[in-house]
Protein backbone atom coordinates (compact mmCIF):
# COMPACT_ATOMS: atom_id res chain seq x y z
CA MET A 1 -16.31 5.45 -5.15
CA ARG A 2 -15.21 2.15 -6.66
CA ILE A 3 -12.04 0.91 -4.97
CA VAL A 4 -9.99 -2.08 -6.08
CA VAL A 5 -7.82 -3.52 -3.31
CA PHE A 6 -4.85 -5.83 -3.76
CA GLY A 7 -3.89 -7.47 -0.47
CA ALA A 8 -7.40 -7.33 1.02
CA SER A 9 -6.73 -10.46 3.08
CA GLY A 10 -3.88 -8.84 5.04
CA GLY A 11 -4.11 -6.75 8.18
CA THR A 12 -3.98 -3.34 6.50
CA GLY A 13 -6.03 -4.45 3.50
CA ARG A 14 -8.83 -5.70 5.74
CA GLN A 15 -8.94 -2.30 7.43
CA VAL A 16 -9.12 -0.54 4.07
CA VAL A 17 -12.00 -2.77 3.04
CA ALA A 18 -13.91 -2.31 6.31
CA GLN A 19 -13.58 1.48 6.33
CA ALA A 20 -14.43 1.81 2.64
CA LEU A 21 -17.56 -0.28 3.06
CA ALA A 22 -18.57 1.78 6.09
CA GLU A 23 -18.33 4.89 3.91
CA GLY A 24 -20.60 3.32 1.31
CA ASP A 25 -17.89 2.68 -1.27
CA GLU A 26 -17.95 -0.21 -3.71
CA VAL A 27 -14.99 -2.51 -3.04
CA VAL A 28 -13.42 -5.11 -5.31
CA ALA A 29 -10.77 -7.40 -3.83
CA VAL A 30 -8.20 -8.98 -6.13
CA ALA A 31 -6.99 -12.07 -4.28
CA ARG A 32 -5.24 -15.32 -4.92
CA ALA A 33 -7.09 -18.59 -4.55
CA GLY A 34 -7.43 -19.57 -0.90
CA SER A 35 -7.02 -16.05 0.50
CA VAL A 36 -9.64 -15.15 3.10
CA VAL A 37 -11.27 -11.88 2.07
CA PRO A 38 -13.61 -9.82 4.29
CA PRO A 39 -17.33 -10.19 3.54
CA GLY A 40 -19.29 -7.60 1.62
CA VAL A 41 -16.89 -7.19 -1.29
CA GLU A 42 -16.73 -8.42 -4.84
CA VAL A 43 -13.88 -10.94 -5.00
CA VAL A 44 -11.83 -11.52 -8.13
CA ARG A 45 -9.53 -14.53 -7.84
CA ALA A 46 -6.38 -14.05 -9.88
CA GLY A 47 -2.67 -14.61 -9.86
CA PHE A 48 -0.43 -11.73 -10.85
CA ASP A 49 0.12 -13.28 -14.28
CA GLU A 50 -3.59 -13.40 -15.15
CA ASP A 51 -3.64 -10.16 -17.10
CA GLU A 52 -7.16 -10.30 -18.50
CA VAL A 53 -8.76 -11.18 -15.16
CA ILE A 54 -6.96 -8.34 -13.37
CA GLU A 55 -7.85 -5.96 -16.19
CA ASP A 56 -11.54 -6.82 -15.80
CA ALA A 57 -11.29 -6.24 -12.03
CA VAL A 58 -9.63 -2.84 -12.42
CA ARG A 59 -11.83 -1.52 -15.22
CA GLY A 60 -14.04 1.34 -14.02
CA ALA A 61 -12.22 1.84 -10.72
CA ASP A 62 -11.81 5.28 -9.19
CA VAL A 63 -8.76 4.17 -7.25
CA VAL A 64 -6.55 1.10 -6.96
CA VAL A 65 -4.94 0.33 -3.60
CA SER A 66 -2.09 -2.09 -2.97
CA ALA A 67 -1.79 -3.24 0.64
CA LEU A 68 0.28 -6.26 -0.36
CA GLY A 69 2.87 -7.60 2.04
CA THR A 70 4.83 -10.69 2.96
CA ARG A 71 5.38 -12.70 6.12
CA GLY A 72 8.71 -14.09 7.19
CA ARG A 73 12.05 -13.76 5.46
CA GLY A 74 13.51 -15.02 2.24
CA PRO A 75 13.39 -13.93 -1.39
CA THR A 76 10.09 -12.36 -2.40
CA SER A 77 8.61 -10.29 -5.18
CA VAL A 78 5.01 -10.15 -3.99
CA CYS A 79 4.81 -6.37 -3.67
CA SER A 80 6.62 -5.51 -6.88
CA ASP A 81 4.91 -8.22 -8.94
CA GLY A 82 1.46 -7.33 -7.61
CA VAL A 83 1.84 -3.62 -8.17
CA GLY A 84 3.36 -4.22 -11.59
CA ALA A 85 0.33 -6.30 -12.58
CA ALA A 86 -2.04 -3.63 -11.23
CA ILE A 87 -0.25 -0.85 -13.12
CA ALA A 88 -0.32 -2.78 -16.39
CA ALA A 89 -4.07 -3.29 -16.01
CA MET A 90 -4.60 0.37 -15.10
CA ARG A 91 -2.78 1.53 -18.19
CA ARG A 92 -4.89 -0.69 -20.41
CA THR A 93 -8.16 0.46 -18.86
CA GLY A 94 -7.39 4.15 -18.34
CA VAL A 95 -7.57 4.07 -14.53
CA ARG A 96 -5.24 6.71 -13.07
CA ARG A 97 -5.29 6.82 -9.25
CA LEU A 98 -2.94 4.44 -7.42
CA LEU A 99 -2.05 4.21 -3.73
CA VAL A 100 0.49 1.73 -2.40
CA VAL A 101 1.65 0.84 1.09
CA SER A 102 5.43 0.69 1.51
CA ALA A 103 7.47 1.09 4.72
CA ALA A 104 9.27 3.81 6.67
CA GLY A 105 12.23 1.45 7.00
CA LEU A 106 13.41 2.60 3.58
CA PRO A 107 15.75 5.62 3.51
CA GLY A 108 14.12 9.02 3.35
CA GLU A 109 14.31 12.68 4.18
CA GLY A 110 13.87 13.45 7.86
CA ASP A 111 15.84 10.44 9.12
CA GLY A 112 18.15 11.41 11.96
CA PRO A 113 21.83 10.38 12.15
CA LEU A 114 21.13 7.31 14.30
CA LEU A 115 18.43 6.03 11.99
CA ARG A 116 20.40 6.81 8.87
CA GLY A 117 23.72 5.46 10.08
CA LEU A 118 22.81 2.48 12.25
CA VAL A 119 19.17 1.50 12.76
CA LYS A 120 18.00 1.42 9.15
CA PRO A 121 21.13 -0.25 7.71
CA VAL A 122 20.75 -3.05 10.26
CA LEU A 123 17.02 -3.38 9.59
CA GLN A 124 17.54 -3.39 5.85
CA TRP A 125 20.20 -6.10 6.19
CA VAL A 126 18.07 -8.33 8.41
CA LEU A 127 15.01 -7.91 6.17
CA ARG A 128 16.97 -7.37 2.97
CA ASP A 129 14.72 -9.45 0.72
CA HIS A 130 11.59 -7.67 1.94
CA TYR A 131 13.12 -4.22 1.51
CA ALA A 132 14.55 -5.09 -1.89
CA ASP A 133 11.01 -5.95 -2.98
CA LEU A 134 9.62 -2.68 -1.58
CA THR A 135 12.40 -0.69 -3.24
CA ARG A 136 11.64 -2.28 -6.58
CA MET A 137 7.92 -1.67 -6.05
CA GLU A 138 8.49 2.03 -5.41
CA GLU A 139 10.64 2.29 -8.53
CA ILE A 140 7.86 0.73 -10.61
CA VAL A 141 5.28 3.08 -9.10
CA ARG A 142 7.38 6.21 -9.69
CA ALA A 143 7.96 5.23 -13.33
CA SER A 144 4.32 4.34 -13.98
CA GLY A 145 3.14 7.74 -15.21
CA LEU A 146 0.00 7.30 -13.10
CA ASP A 147 -1.40 9.52 -10.34
CA TRP A 148 0.38 7.67 -7.56
CA THR A 149 0.86 8.10 -3.84
CA ILE A 150 3.19 5.97 -1.71
CA VAL A 151 2.26 5.63 1.97
CA ARG A 152 5.16 4.77 4.28
CA PRO A 153 4.16 3.64 7.78
CA PRO A 154 6.58 2.46 10.50
CA ARG A 155 5.91 -0.67 12.57
CA LEU A 156 2.28 -1.66 12.22
CA THR A 157 0.06 -2.53 15.18
CA ASP A 158 -3.47 -3.89 15.52
CA GLY A 159 -4.58 -1.03 17.75
CA PRO A 160 -7.88 0.79 17.22
CA ARG A 161 -8.40 3.62 14.80
CA THR A 162 -7.50 6.91 16.49
CA ASP A 163 -7.59 9.59 13.77
CA ARG A 164 -4.82 11.28 15.78
CA TYR A 165 -1.86 10.11 13.73
CA ARG A 166 0.78 12.45 12.32
CA ARG A 167 1.51 12.74 8.62
CA ALA A 168 4.06 14.45 6.41
CA LEU A 169 4.78 14.72 2.69
CA ASP A 170 8.12 13.52 1.31
CA ARG A 171 9.86 13.23 4.68
CA HIS A 172 9.80 10.78 7.55
CA LEU A 173 8.46 11.74 10.95
CA ALA A 174 10.80 12.14 13.92
CA GLY A 175 9.99 9.63 16.62
CA GLY A 176 7.55 7.81 14.37
CA HIS A 177 8.05 4.24 15.56
CA ARG A 178 4.58 2.71 15.15
CA VAL A 179 1.06 3.26 13.84
CA ALA A 180 -2.19 1.29 13.85
CA ARG A 181 -3.17 -0.46 10.64
CA ALA A 182 -6.59 1.13 11.08
CA ASP A 183 -5.04 4.61 10.92
CA VAL A 184 -3.03 3.63 7.83
CA ALA A 185 -6.29 2.61 6.17
CA THR A 186 -7.86 5.93 7.15
CA GLU A 187 -4.98 7.81 5.54
CA ILE A 188 -5.14 5.70 2.38
CA LEU A 189 -8.80 6.50 1.88
CA ARG A 190 -8.28 10.17 2.75
CA ALA A 191 -5.35 10.47 0.34
CA ALA A 192 -7.31 8.77 -2.44
CA ALA A 193 -9.38 11.93 -2.83
CA ASP A 194 -6.55 14.39 -2.10
CA ARG A 195 -4.84 15.61 -5.26
CA ASP A 196 -2.12 17.26 -3.17
CA THR A 197 -0.69 13.81 -2.43
CA VAL A 198 -0.32 12.80 -6.09
CA GLY A 199 3.31 12.11 -6.90
CA HIS A 200 4.38 12.19 -3.25
CA LEU A 201 5.38 9.98 -0.35
CA VAL A 202 3.11 10.23 2.68
CA ALA A 203 4.75 9.34 5.99
CA ILE A 204 2.37 8.40 8.79
CA ALA A 205 3.03 7.60 12.46
CA ASP A 206 1.57 7.96 15.93
């Protein structure tokens, strides 16, 4: 399988790359200049406005993965701009399968009263720029017309891969407070070949 990864230099992206390579997949990383990308992959250096370069990177892919994210606070459009650029390239090249990493901090089915009424509103206010970017990203993905899946993990940790995580379609998981980036990567690669996840949110948590 040929996998194109946006955000390969981040914690989750590096796990996606490592696990895909271990499975014998061909991996292409689309990265900005200066980003440190794991070894063993084809690296395409491009900004989100370099349409032709991104198009060449995406062409022939079986799946495109966005594990883009930001650090710190303040206005950002990294996730929405990156996914928008990926989708535009996919449309031009006929690539259909898209998986993106979002966050369980966004509202969703399965949230209890405390989460819905207190915890998430506070979190979304504190990290309002980050969540505004993720919200916009999800809107772009849903409107893309592609075979998309949105993966929503809670707080990410650097723990080892367990393969014992919980998952659910289109609803958040009760008590799902954290999950290892390695397990998120496992779910991304599993979902890439699972047609039952097309057009759905996948919640994942320990």
